[in-house]
């Protein structure tokens, strides 16, 4: 059976008149009559008793009427929901954010999204690059914001957003406070607190080894708040992205010789069609003024 047959049948239930039902459905009466006859053939019995002056529902017709009303209502609801999705009404957007990216730089974009597309239901997942990549490929995330790095799967398409430098965070009163910048050579033999989720650990190890600089590794954690609290308490120093939210009064300087930067990008799965919500977010992110935050 087809939807137009159901619609014609329900119009007949309302009018009990083939002529008026055809007018209500904006169709020729013979077409409506043939459609209902075909429906009766599919169901195995008459739906209406046809009399010269009066037409009324058969027992089968009365049995089918509530079922067809439900079908028509569900079809209308599905169509409305689909149209709303295309028009970004009640669209869900699953966004992954690398755990070492501070929210400060992203809040402005999310505020703009909320202001201009309030119907988008944004759901944010905070995790490591590896876990976010796996979730993207599995379809559990629509897109993710993370740093570009060789270890990411080849299937991910990276759309650059902004760059940030690495800084050295150190305890108040440390000798680095007298410096405008801190070179790698300056950190020789410094006690160091390792940020385990930092995607540049391997790079830092290789650079330090090449320069003959040694650190005294004292403490390691996946928690940025613990690392910063330990630095503040005088346990050591750490290399931190410059836009990472910092504890008040925690001093820092730019890390140089060599300067270390990372590029933050939107990751999507290559070849996977973008939903309207994803396309809107990507467009807004790429046109966003990242220097304002």
C-alpha atoms as a PDB file:
ATOM      1  CA  UNK A   1       0.000   0.000   0.000  1.00  0.00           C
ATOM      2  CA  UNK A   2       1.069   3.590  -0.563  1.00  0.00           C
ATOM      3  CA  UNK A   3       0.670   6.759   1.471  1.00  0.00           C
ATOM      4  CA  UNK A   4      -1.715   8.372  -0.981  1.00  0.00           C
ATOM      5  CA  UNK A   5      -4.065   5.377  -0.637  1.00  0.00           C
ATOM      6  CA  UNK A   6      -4.107   5.838   3.137  1.00  0.00           C
ATOM      7  CA  UNK A   7      -4.712   9.557   2.727  1.00  0.00           C
ATOM      8  CA  UNK A   8      -7.621   8.929   0.342  1.00  0.00           C
ATOM      9  CA  UNK A   9      -9.095   6.315   2.697  1.00  0.00           C
ATOM     10  CA  UNK A  10      -9.005   8.700   5.670  1.00  0.00           C
ATOM     11  CA  UNK A  11     -10.590  11.455   3.610  1.00  0.00           C
ATOM     12  CA  UNK A  12     -13.411   9.027   2.787  1.00  0.00           C
ATOM     13  CA  UNK A  13     -13.762   8.166   6.490  1.00  0.00           C
ATOM     14  CA  UNK A  14     -14.254  11.869   7.179  1.00  0.00           C
ATOM     15  CA  UNK A  15     -16.606  12.736   4.335  1.00  0.00           C
ATOM     16  CA  UNK A  16     -18.255   9.372   3.510  1.00  0.00           C
ATOM     17  CA  UNK A  17     -18.610  10.813   0.014  1.00  0.00           C
ATOM     18  CA  UNK A  18     -16.341   9.986  -2.954  1.00  0.00           C
ATOM     19  CA  UNK A  19     -16.850  13.356  -4.613  1.00  0.00           C
ATOM     20  CA  UNK A  20     -16.072  15.437  -1.506  1.00  0.00           C
ATOM     21  CA  UNK A  21     -13.149  13.177  -0.572  1.00  0.00           C
ATOM     22  CA  UNK A  22     -11.652  13.636  -4.036  1.00  0.00           C
ATOM     23  CA  UNK A  23     -12.046  17.411  -3.758  1.00  0.00           C
ATOM     24  CA  UNK A  24     -10.407  17.389  -0.307  1.00  0.00           C
ATOM     25  CA  UNK A  25      -7.452  15.396  -1.659  1.00  0.00           C
ATOM     26  CA  UNK A  26      -7.266  17.526  -4.813  1.00  0.00           C
ATOM     27  CA  UNK A  27      -7.554  14.484  -7.067  1.00  0.00           C
ATOM     28  CA  UNK A  28     -10.010  13.291  -9.682  1.00  0.00           C
ATOM     29  CA  UNK A  29     -12.767  11.085  -8.285  1.00  0.00           C
ATOM     30  CA  UNK A  30     -11.961   8.084 -10.549  1.00  0.00           C
ATOM     31  CA  UNK A  31      -8.351   8.154  -9.316  1.00  0.00           C
ATOM     32  CA  UNK A  32      -9.484   8.183  -5.679  1.00  0.00           C
ATOM     33  CA  UNK A  33     -11.946   5.373  -6.336  1.00  0.00           C
ATOM     34  CA  UNK A  34      -9.292   3.189  -8.045  1.00  0.00           C
ATOM     35  CA  UNK A  35      -6.808   3.826  -5.208  1.00  0.00           C
ATOM     36  CA  UNK A  36      -9.323   2.715  -2.562  1.00  0.00           C
ATOM     37  CA  UNK A  37     -10.311  -0.328  -4.626  1.00  0.00           C
ATOM     38  CA  UNK A  38      -6.660  -1.319  -4.886  1.00  0.00           C
ATOM     39  CA  UNK A  39      -6.290  -0.872  -1.127  1.00  0.00           C
ATOM     40  CA  UNK A  40      -9.300  -3.124  -0.583  1.00  0.00           C
ATOM     41  CA  UNK A  41      -7.707  -5.766  -2.802  1.00  0.00           C
ATOM     42  CA  UNK A  42      -4.510  -5.626  -0.758  1.00  0.00           C
ATOM     43  CA  UNK A  43      -6.421  -5.910   2.528  1.00  0.00           C
ATOM     44  CA  UNK A  44      -8.689  -8.679   1.309  1.00  0.00           C
ATOM     45  CA  UNK A  45     -12.094  -7.095   1.764  1.00  0.00           C
ATOM     46  CA  UNK A  46     -14.276  -3.992   1.270  1.00  0.00           C
ATOM     47  CA  UNK A  47     -13.608  -0.944   3.416  1.00  0.00           C
ATOM     48  CA  UNK A  48     -16.863   0.848   2.569  1.00  0.00           C
ATOM     49  CA  UNK A  49     -20.434  -0.200   1.873  1.00  0.00           C
ATOM     50  CA  UNK A  50     -21.393   1.721  -1.239  1.00  0.00           C
ATOM     51  CA  UNK A  51     -25.066   2.611  -1.470  1.00  0.00           C
ATOM     52  CA  UNK A  52     -26.853   4.946  -3.861  1.00  0.00           C
ATOM     53  CA  UNK A  53     -27.607   7.620  -1.278  1.00  0.00           C
ATOM     54  CA  UNK A  54     -25.190   6.659   1.490  1.00  0.00           C
ATOM     55  CA  UNK A  55     -21.675   5.265   1.987  1.00  0.00           C
ATOM     56  CA  UNK A  56     -20.424   3.954   5.330  1.00  0.00           C
ATOM     57  CA  UNK A  57     -17.500   2.018   6.769  1.00  0.00           C
ATOM     58  CA  UNK A  58     -17.506  -1.755   6.911  1.00  0.00           C
ATOM     59  CA  UNK A  59     -16.254  -3.608   9.965  1.00  0.00           C
ATOM     60  CA  UNK A  60     -12.879  -3.961   8.208  1.00  0.00           C
ATOM     61  CA  UNK A  61     -12.866  -0.238   7.475  1.00  0.00           C
ATOM     62  CA  UNK A  62     -13.537   0.638  11.115  1.00  0.00           C
ATOM     63  CA  UNK A  63     -10.752  -1.759  12.153  1.00  0.00           C
ATOM     64  CA  UNK A  64      -8.260  -0.189   9.764  1.00  0.00           C
ATOM     65  CA  UNK A  65      -9.123   3.469  10.425  1.00  0.00           C
ATOM     66  CA  UNK A  66      -7.131   3.965  13.700  1.00  0.00           C
ATOM     67  CA  UNK A  67      -4.145   2.102  12.262  1.00  0.00           C
ATOM     68  CA  UNK A  68      -4.054   4.271   9.161  1.00  0.00           C
ATOM     69  CA  UNK A  69      -4.508   7.441  11.242  1.00  0.00           C
ATOM     70  CA  UNK A  70      -1.431   6.429  13.251  1.00  0.00           C
ATOM     71  CA  UNK A  71       0.558   5.692  10.087  1.00  0.00           C
ATOM     72  CA  UNK A  72      -0.317   9.066   8.572  1.00  0.00           C
ATOM     73  CA  UNK A  73       0.510  10.922  11.804  1.00  0.00           C
ATOM     74  CA  UNK A  74       3.865   9.146  12.128  1.00  0.00           C
ATOM     75  CA  UNK A  75       4.706   9.887   8.520  1.00  0.00           C
ATOM     76  CA  UNK A  76       3.929  13.576   9.034  1.00  0.00           C
ATOM     77  CA  UNK A  77       6.060  13.638  12.205  1.00  0.00           C
ATOM     78  CA  UNK A  78       8.967  11.940  10.420  1.00  0.00           C
ATOM     79  CA  UNK A  79       8.782  14.434   7.575  1.00  0.00           C
ATOM     80  CA  UNK A  80       8.703  17.378   9.974  1.00  0.00           C
ATOM     81  CA  UNK A  81      11.677  15.992  11.901  1.00  0.00           C
ATOM     82  CA  UNK A  82      13.650  15.480   8.704  1.00  0.00           C
ATOM     83  CA  UNK A  83      12.881  19.005   7.530  1.00  0.00           C
ATOM     84  CA  UNK A  84      13.884  20.356  10.917  1.00  0.00           C
ATOM     85  CA  UNK A  85      17.182  18.471  10.721  1.00  0.00           C
ATOM     86  CA  UNK A  86      17.972  19.916   7.308  1.00  0.00           C
ATOM     87  CA  UNK A  87      17.103  23.367   8.624  1.00  0.00           C
ATOM     88  CA  UNK A  88      19.287  22.815  11.742  1.00  0.00           C
ATOM     89  CA  UNK A  89      16.308  22.458  14.064  1.00  0.00           C
ATOM     90  CA  UNK A  90      17.059  20.043  16.916  1.00  0.00           C
ATOM     91  CA  UNK A  91      20.242  18.831  15.196  1.00  0.00           C
ATOM     92  CA  UNK A  92      22.720  16.985  17.436  1.00  0.00           C
ATOM     93  CA  UNK A  93      26.414  17.792  17.003  1.00  0.00           C
ATOM     94  CA  UNK A  94      28.891  15.457  18.712  1.00  0.00           C
ATOM     95  CA  UNK A  95      32.169  17.353  19.109  1.00  0.00           C
ATOM     96  CA  UNK A  96      35.409  15.898  20.448  1.00  0.00           C
ATOM     97  CA  UNK A  97      38.051  18.175  21.984  1.00  0.00           C
ATOM     98  CA  UNK A  98      41.610  17.097  22.737  1.00  0.00           C
ATOM     99  CA  UNK A  99      42.109  17.122  26.494  1.00  0.00           C
ATOM    100  CA  UNK A 100      45.203  19.370  26.314  1.00  0.00           C
ATOM    101  CA  UNK A 101      43.315  22.160  24.534  1.00  0.00           C
ATOM    102  CA  UNK A 102      42.159  24.777  26.995  1.00  0.00           C
ATOM    103  CA  UNK A 103      38.545  25.983  26.709  1.00  0.00           C
ATOM    104  CA  UNK A 104      39.542  29.662  26.628  1.00  0.00           C
ATOM    105  CA  UNK A 105      40.120  29.723  22.878  1.00  0.00           C
ATOM    106  CA  UNK A 106      37.014  27.671  22.092  1.00  0.00           C
ATOM    107  CA  UNK A 107      34.460  29.417  24.285  1.00  0.00           C
ATOM    108  CA  UNK A 108      34.074  32.333  21.877  1.00  0.00           C
ATOM    109  CA  UNK A 109      33.287  29.974  18.987  1.00  0.00           C
ATOM    110  CA  UNK A 110      30.801  27.989  21.073  1.00  0.00           C
ATOM    111  CA  UNK A 111      29.100  31.211  22.180  1.00  0.00           C
ATOM    112  CA  UNK A 112      28.772  32.264  18.547  1.00  0.00           C
ATOM    113  CA  UNK A 113      27.326  28.859  17.650  1.00  0.00           C
ATOM    114  CA  UNK A 114      24.801  29.054  20.487  1.00  0.00           C
ATOM    115  CA  UNK A 115      23.823  32.607  19.550  1.00  0.00           C
ATOM    116  CA  UNK A 116      23.395  31.996  15.804  1.00  0.00           C
ATOM    117  CA  UNK A 117      22.223  28.360  15.825  1.00  0.00           C
ATOM    118  CA  UNK A 118      20.466  27.850  19.183  1.00  0.00           C
ATOM    119  CA  UNK A 119      18.681  24.705  18.001  1.00  0.00           C
ATOM    120  CA  UNK A 120      21.930  22.757  17.580  1.00  0.00           C
ATOM    121  CA  UNK A 121      22.308  20.347  20.489  1.00  0.00           C
ATOM    122  CA  UNK A 122      26.066  20.430  21.127  1.00  0.00           C
ATOM    123  CA  UNK A 123      27.617  17.497  22.989  1.00  0.00           C
ATOM    124  CA  UNK A 124      31.314  17.779  23.849  1.00  0.00           C
ATOM    125  CA  UNK A 125      33.638  14.860  24.606  1.00  0.00           C
ATOM    126  CA  UNK A 126      37.048  15.522  26.146  1.00  0.00           C
ATOM    127  CA  UNK A 127      39.724  12.874  25.498  1.00  0.00           C
ATOM    128  CA  UNK A 128      43.146  12.023  24.070  1.00  0.00           C
ATOM    129  CA  UNK A 129      43.940  12.285  20.324  1.00  0.00           C
ATOM    130  CA  UNK A 130      44.001   8.498  19.969  1.00  0.00           C
ATOM    131  CA  UNK A 131      40.610   8.003  21.601  1.00  0.00           C
ATOM    132  CA  UNK A 132      39.062  10.891  19.671  1.00  0.00           C
ATOM    133  CA  UNK A 133      40.388   9.464  16.390  1.00  0.00           C
ATOM    134  CA  UNK A 134      38.876   6.069  17.156  1.00  0.00           C
ATOM    135  CA  UNK A 135      35.531   7.664  18.018  1.00  0.00           C
ATOM    136  CA  UNK A 136      35.581   9.690  14.802  1.00  0.00           C
ATOM    137  CA  UNK A 137      36.255   6.649  12.638  1.00  0.00           C
ATOM    138  CA  UNK A 138      33.551   4.683  14.484  1.00  0.00           C
ATOM    139  CA  UNK A 139      30.989   7.430  13.857  1.00  0.00           C
ATOM    140  CA  UNK A 140      30.595   8.231  17.555  1.00  0.00           C
ATOM    141  CA  UNK A 141      31.815  11.790  16.930  1.00  0.00           C
ATOM    142  CA  UNK A 142      30.916  14.111  14.072  1.00  0.00           C
ATOM    143  CA  UNK A 143      34.174  16.047  14.267  1.00  0.00           C
ATOM    144  CA  UNK A 144      37.003  16.769  16.693  1.00  0.00           C
ATOM    145  CA  UNK A 145      39.352  19.622  17.527  1.00  0.00           C
ATOM    146  CA  UNK A 146      42.928  18.481  18.089  1.00  0.00           C
ATOM    147  CA  UNK A 147      46.504  19.250  17.122  1.00  0.00           C
ATOM    148  CA  UNK A 148      47.995  18.079  13.845  1.00  0.00           C
ATOM    149  CA  UNK A 149      50.432  15.218  14.411  1.00  0.00           C
ATOM    150  CA  UNK A 150      51.911  12.351  12.341  1.00  0.00           C
ATOM    151  CA  UNK A 151      50.331   9.676  14.543  1.00  0.00           C
ATOM    152  CA  UNK A 152      46.780  10.536  13.433  1.00  0.00           C
ATOM    153  CA  UNK A 153      45.049   8.095  11.028  1.00  0.00           C
ATOM    154  CA  UNK A 154      45.382   8.879   7.326  1.00  0.00           C
ATOM    155  CA  UNK A 155      41.587   8.869   6.925  1.00  0.00           C
ATOM    156  CA  UNK A 156      41.239  12.033   8.981  1.00  0.00           C
ATOM    157  CA  UNK A 157      40.986  15.302   7.127  1.00  0.00           C
ATOM    158  CA  UNK A 158      42.543  18.235   9.016  1.00  0.00           C
ATOM    159  CA  UNK A 159      41.261  21.801   8.635  1.00  0.00           C
ATOM    160  CA  UNK A 160      43.675  24.228  10.402  1.00  0.00           C
ATOM    161  CA  UNK A 161      42.265  26.791  12.845  1.00  0.00           C
ATOM    162  CA  UNK A 162      45.102  28.454  14.779  1.00  0.00           C
ATOM    163  CA  UNK A 163      48.615  27.984  16.137  1.00  0.00           C
ATOM    164  CA  UNK A 164      49.905  28.207  19.689  1.00  0.00           C
ATOM    165  CA  UNK A 165      53.393  28.167  21.174  1.00  0.00           C
ATOM    166  CA  UNK A 166      54.644  26.167  24.117  1.00  0.00           C
ATOM    167  CA  UNK A 167      55.684  27.996  27.249  1.00  0.00           C
ATOM    168  CA  UNK A 168      57.606  27.049  30.373  1.00  0.00           C
ATOM    169  CA  UNK A 169      55.563  27.235  33.589  1.00  0.00           C
ATOM    170  CA  UNK A 170      57.630  27.548  36.760  1.00  0.00           C
ATOM    171  CA  UNK A 171      57.194  28.311  40.485  1.00  0.00           C
ATOM    172  CA  UNK A 172      56.960  31.897  41.759  1.00  0.00           C
ATOM    173  CA  UNK A 173      60.382  33.254  42.646  1.00  0.00           C
ATOM    174  CA  UNK A 174      62.165  30.946  40.185  1.00  0.00           C
ATOM    175  CA  UNK A 175      65.238  32.273  38.399  1.00  0.00           C
ATOM    176  CA  UNK A 176      63.330  32.181  35.104  1.00  0.00           C
ATOM    177  CA  UNK A 177      61.382  35.245  36.256  1.00  0.00           C
ATOM    178  CA  UNK A 178      64.410  37.389  35.318  1.00  0.00           C
ATOM    179  CA  UNK A 179      64.317  36.117  31.717  1.00  0.00           C
ATOM    180  CA  UNK A 180      62.168  37.404  28.849  1.00  0.00           C
ATOM    181  CA  UNK A 181      62.171  33.917  27.257  1.00  0.00           C
ATOM    182  CA  UNK A 182      63.462  30.522  28.318  1.00  0.00           C
ATOM    183  CA  UNK A 183      65.711  28.522  25.994  1.00  0.00           C
ATOM    184  CA  UNK A 184      65.954  24.738  26.056  1.00  0.00           C
ATOM    185  CA  UNK A 185      69.516  25.097  27.303  1.00  0.00           C
ATOM    186  CA  UNK A 186      68.244  27.044  30.313  1.00  0.00           C
ATOM    187  CA  UNK A 187      66.258  24.093  31.677  1.00  0.00           C
ATOM    188  CA  UNK A 188      69.279  21.797  32.109  1.00  0.00           C
ATOM    189  CA  UNK A 189      69.012  19.821  35.366  1.00  0.00           C
ATOM    190  CA  UNK A 190      65.690  21.444  36.279  1.00  0.00           C
ATOM    191  CA  UNK A 191      63.164  19.243  38.146  1.00  0.00           C
ATOM    192  CA  UNK A 192      60.408  18.515  35.629  1.00  0.00           C
ATOM    193  CA  UNK A 193      56.735  17.578  35.928  1.00  0.00           C
ATOM    194  CA  UNK A 194      55.527  15.450  32.986  1.00  0.00           C
ATOM    195  CA  UNK A 195      52.123  16.084  31.429  1.00  0.00           C
ATOM    196  CA  UNK A 196      51.278  12.547  30.299  1.00  0.00           C
ATOM    197  CA  UNK A 197      48.603  13.615  27.789  1.00  0.00           C
ATOM    198  CA  UNK A 198      50.957  15.994  25.993  1.00  0.00           C
ATOM    199  CA  UNK A 199      51.251  14.899  22.363  1.00  0.00           C
ATOM    200  CA  UNK A 200      54.728  16.513  22.149  1.00  0.00           C
ATOM    201  CA  UNK A 201      56.420  14.304  24.758  1.00  0.00           C
ATOM    202  CA  UNK A 202      58.393  12.443  22.104  1.00  0.00           C
ATOM    203  CA  UNK A 203      59.444  15.675  20.410  1.00  0.00           C
ATOM    204  CA  UNK A 204      60.608  17.220  23.677  1.00  0.00           C
ATOM    205  CA  UNK A 205      62.620  14.100  24.578  1.00  0.00           C
ATOM    206  CA  UNK A 206      64.312  14.071  21.169  1.00  0.00           C
ATOM    207  CA  UNK A 207      65.083  17.814  21.225  1.00  0.00           C
ATOM    208  CA  UNK A 208      66.509  17.696  24.745  1.00  0.00           C
ATOM    209  CA  UNK A 209      68.685  14.700  23.852  1.00  0.00           C
ATOM    210  CA  UNK A 210      69.963  16.402  20.709  1.00  0.00           C
ATOM    211  CA  UNK A 211      70.903  19.515  22.687  1.00  0.00           C
ATOM    212  CA  UNK A 212      72.462  17.516  25.512  1.00  0.00           C
ATOM    213  CA  UNK A 213      69.983  18.942  28.009  1.00  0.00           C
ATOM    214  CA  UNK A 214      68.870  16.752  30.891  1.00  0.00           C
ATOM    215  CA  UNK A 215      65.806  17.130  33.099  1.00  0.00           C
ATOM    216  CA  UNK A 216      65.137  15.636  36.501  1.00  0.00           C
ATOM    217  CA  UNK A 217      61.726  14.051  36.114  1.00  0.00           C
ATOM    218  CA  UNK A 218      60.024  14.288  39.495  1.00  0.00           C
ATOM    219  CA  UNK A 219      56.314  13.771  38.899  1.00  0.00           C
ATOM    220  CA  UNK A 220      53.870  12.813  36.135  1.00  0.00           C
ATOM    221  CA  UNK A 221      50.106  13.051  35.756  1.00  0.00           C
ATOM    222  CA  UNK A 222      47.275  13.194  33.233  1.00  0.00           C
ATOM    223  CA  UNK A 223      45.696  15.969  35.309  1.00  0.00           C
ATOM    224  CA  UNK A 224      46.630  19.518  34.265  1.00  0.00           C
ATOM    225  CA  UNK A 225      45.364  20.956  37.554  1.00  0.00           C
ATOM    226  CA  UNK A 226      47.638  18.627  39.522  1.00  0.00           C
ATOM    227  CA  UNK A 227      50.653  19.512  37.374  1.00  0.00           C
ATOM    228  CA  UNK A 228      50.074  23.244  37.815  1.00  0.00           C
ATOM    229  CA  UNK A 229      49.418  22.919  41.538  1.00  0.00           C
ATOM    230  CA  UNK A 230      52.682  21.016  41.932  1.00  0.00           C
ATOM    231  CA  UNK A 231      54.553  23.681  39.955  1.00  0.00           C
ATOM    232  CA  UNK A 232      52.999  26.392  42.101  1.00  0.00           C
ATOM    233  CA  UNK A 233      54.148  24.512  45.200  1.00  0.00           C
ATOM    234  CA  UNK A 234      57.742  24.488  43.937  1.00  0.00           C
ATOM    235  CA  UNK A 235      58.084  20.875  42.778  1.00  0.00           C
ATOM    236  CA  UNK A 236      59.439  21.751  39.318  1.00  0.00           C
ATOM    237  CA  UNK A 237      58.728  23.176  35.876  1.00  0.00           C
ATOM    238  CA  UNK A 238      56.735  21.955  32.873  1.00  0.00           C
ATOM    239  CA  UNK A 239      56.238  22.696  29.168  1.00  0.00           C
ATOM    240  CA  UNK A 240      52.646  23.843  28.603  1.00  0.00           C
ATOM    241  CA  UNK A 241      50.618  25.139  25.596  1.00  0.00           C
ATOM    242  CA  UNK A 242      50.281  28.917  25.856  1.00  0.00           C
ATOM    243  CA  UNK A 243      46.456  28.941  25.752  1.00  0.00           C
ATOM    244  CA  UNK A 244      46.075  26.350  28.485  1.00  0.00           C
ATOM    245  CA  UNK A 245      44.116  27.864  31.413  1.00  0.00           C
ATOM    246  CA  UNK A 246      46.691  28.612  34.129  1.00  0.00           C
ATOM    247  CA  UNK A 247      46.416  28.966  37.869  1.00  0.00           C
ATOM    248  CA  UNK A 248      46.403  32.618  38.993  1.00  0.00           C
ATOM    249  CA  UNK A 249      49.914  33.998  39.570  1.00  0.00           C
ATOM    250  CA  UNK A 250      51.618  30.962  38.018  1.00  0.00           C
ATOM    251  CA  UNK A 251      54.533  32.527  36.076  1.00  0.00           C
ATOM    252  CA  UNK A 252      55.586  31.398  32.601  1.00  0.00           C
ATOM    253  CA  UNK A 253      57.817  32.357  29.681  1.00  0.00           C
ATOM    254  CA  UNK A 254      57.890  31.436  25.999  1.00  0.00           C
ATOM    255  CA  UNK A 255      60.045  28.370  25.219  1.00  0.00           C
ATOM    256  CA  UNK A 256      62.648  29.122  22.508  1.00  0.00           C
ATOM    257  CA  UNK A 257      65.793  27.887  20.764  1.00  0.00           C
ATOM    258  CA  UNK A 258      63.999  26.149  19.239  1.00  0.00           C
ATOM    259  CA  UNK A 259      60.517  27.632  19.544  1.00  0.00           C
ATOM    260  CA  UNK A 260      57.869  24.910  19.680  1.00  0.00           C
ATOM    261  CA  UNK A 261      54.411  25.438  18.196  1.00  0.00           C
ATOM    262  CA  UNK A 262      51.455  23.238  17.492  1.00  0.00           C
ATOM    263  CA  UNK A 263      48.645  23.755  14.990  1.00  0.00           C
ATOM    264  CA  UNK A 264      45.090  23.175  16.178  1.00  0.00           C
ATOM    265  CA  UNK A 265      42.682  21.854  13.562  1.00  0.00           C
ATOM    266  CA  UNK A 266      39.231  20.408  12.995  1.00  0.00           C
ATOM    267  CA  UNK A 267      39.377  16.700  12.191  1.00  0.00           C
ATOM    268  CA  UNK A 268      36.696  15.017  10.111  1.00  0.00           C
ATOM    269  CA  UNK A 269      36.636  11.670   8.315  1.00  0.00           C
ATOM    270  CA  UNK A 270      37.633  12.017   4.665  1.00  0.00           C
ATOM    271  CA  UNK A 271      34.852  11.040   2.269  1.00  0.00           C
ATOM    272  CA  UNK A 272      32.133  11.070   4.925  1.00  0.00           C
ATOM    273  CA  UNK A 273      29.306  13.481   3.998  1.00  0.00           C
ATOM    274  CA  UNK A 274      28.859  16.400   6.391  1.00  0.00           C
ATOM    275  CA  UNK A 275      25.517  16.872   8.085  1.00  0.00           C
ATOM    276  CA  UNK A 276      24.089  20.417   8.011  1.00  0.00           C
ATOM    277  CA  UNK A 277      25.175  20.870  11.647  1.00  0.00           C
ATOM    278  CA  UNK A 278      28.758  19.780  10.889  1.00  0.00           C
ATOM    279  CA  UNK A 279      28.948  22.001   7.810  1.00  0.00           C
ATOM    280  CA  UNK A 280      27.688  24.959   9.835  1.00  0.00           C
ATOM    281  CA  UNK A 281      30.219  24.377  12.630  1.00  0.00           C
ATOM    282  CA  UNK A 282      33.132  23.973  10.206  1.00  0.00           C
ATOM    283  CA  UNK A 283      32.174  27.124   8.308  1.00  0.00           C
ATOM    284  CA  UNK A 284      31.872  29.146  11.518  1.00  0.00           C
ATOM    285  CA  UNK A 285      35.145  27.790  12.932  1.00  0.00           C
ATOM    286  CA  UNK A 286      37.151  28.550   9.797  1.00  0.00           C
ATOM    287  CA  UNK A 287      35.844  32.119   9.585  1.00  0.00           C
ATOM    288  CA  UNK A 288      36.163  32.773  13.335  1.00  0.00           C
ATOM    289  CA  UNK A 289      38.575  35.465  14.541  1.00  0.00           C
ATOM    290  CA  UNK A 290      40.827  33.354  16.741  1.00  0.00           C
ATOM    291  CA  UNK A 291      43.049  36.327  17.582  1.00  0.00           C
ATOM    292  CA  UNK A 292      40.174  37.896  19.501  1.00  0.00           C
ATOM    293  CA  UNK A 293      40.386  35.229  22.204  1.00  0.00           C
END
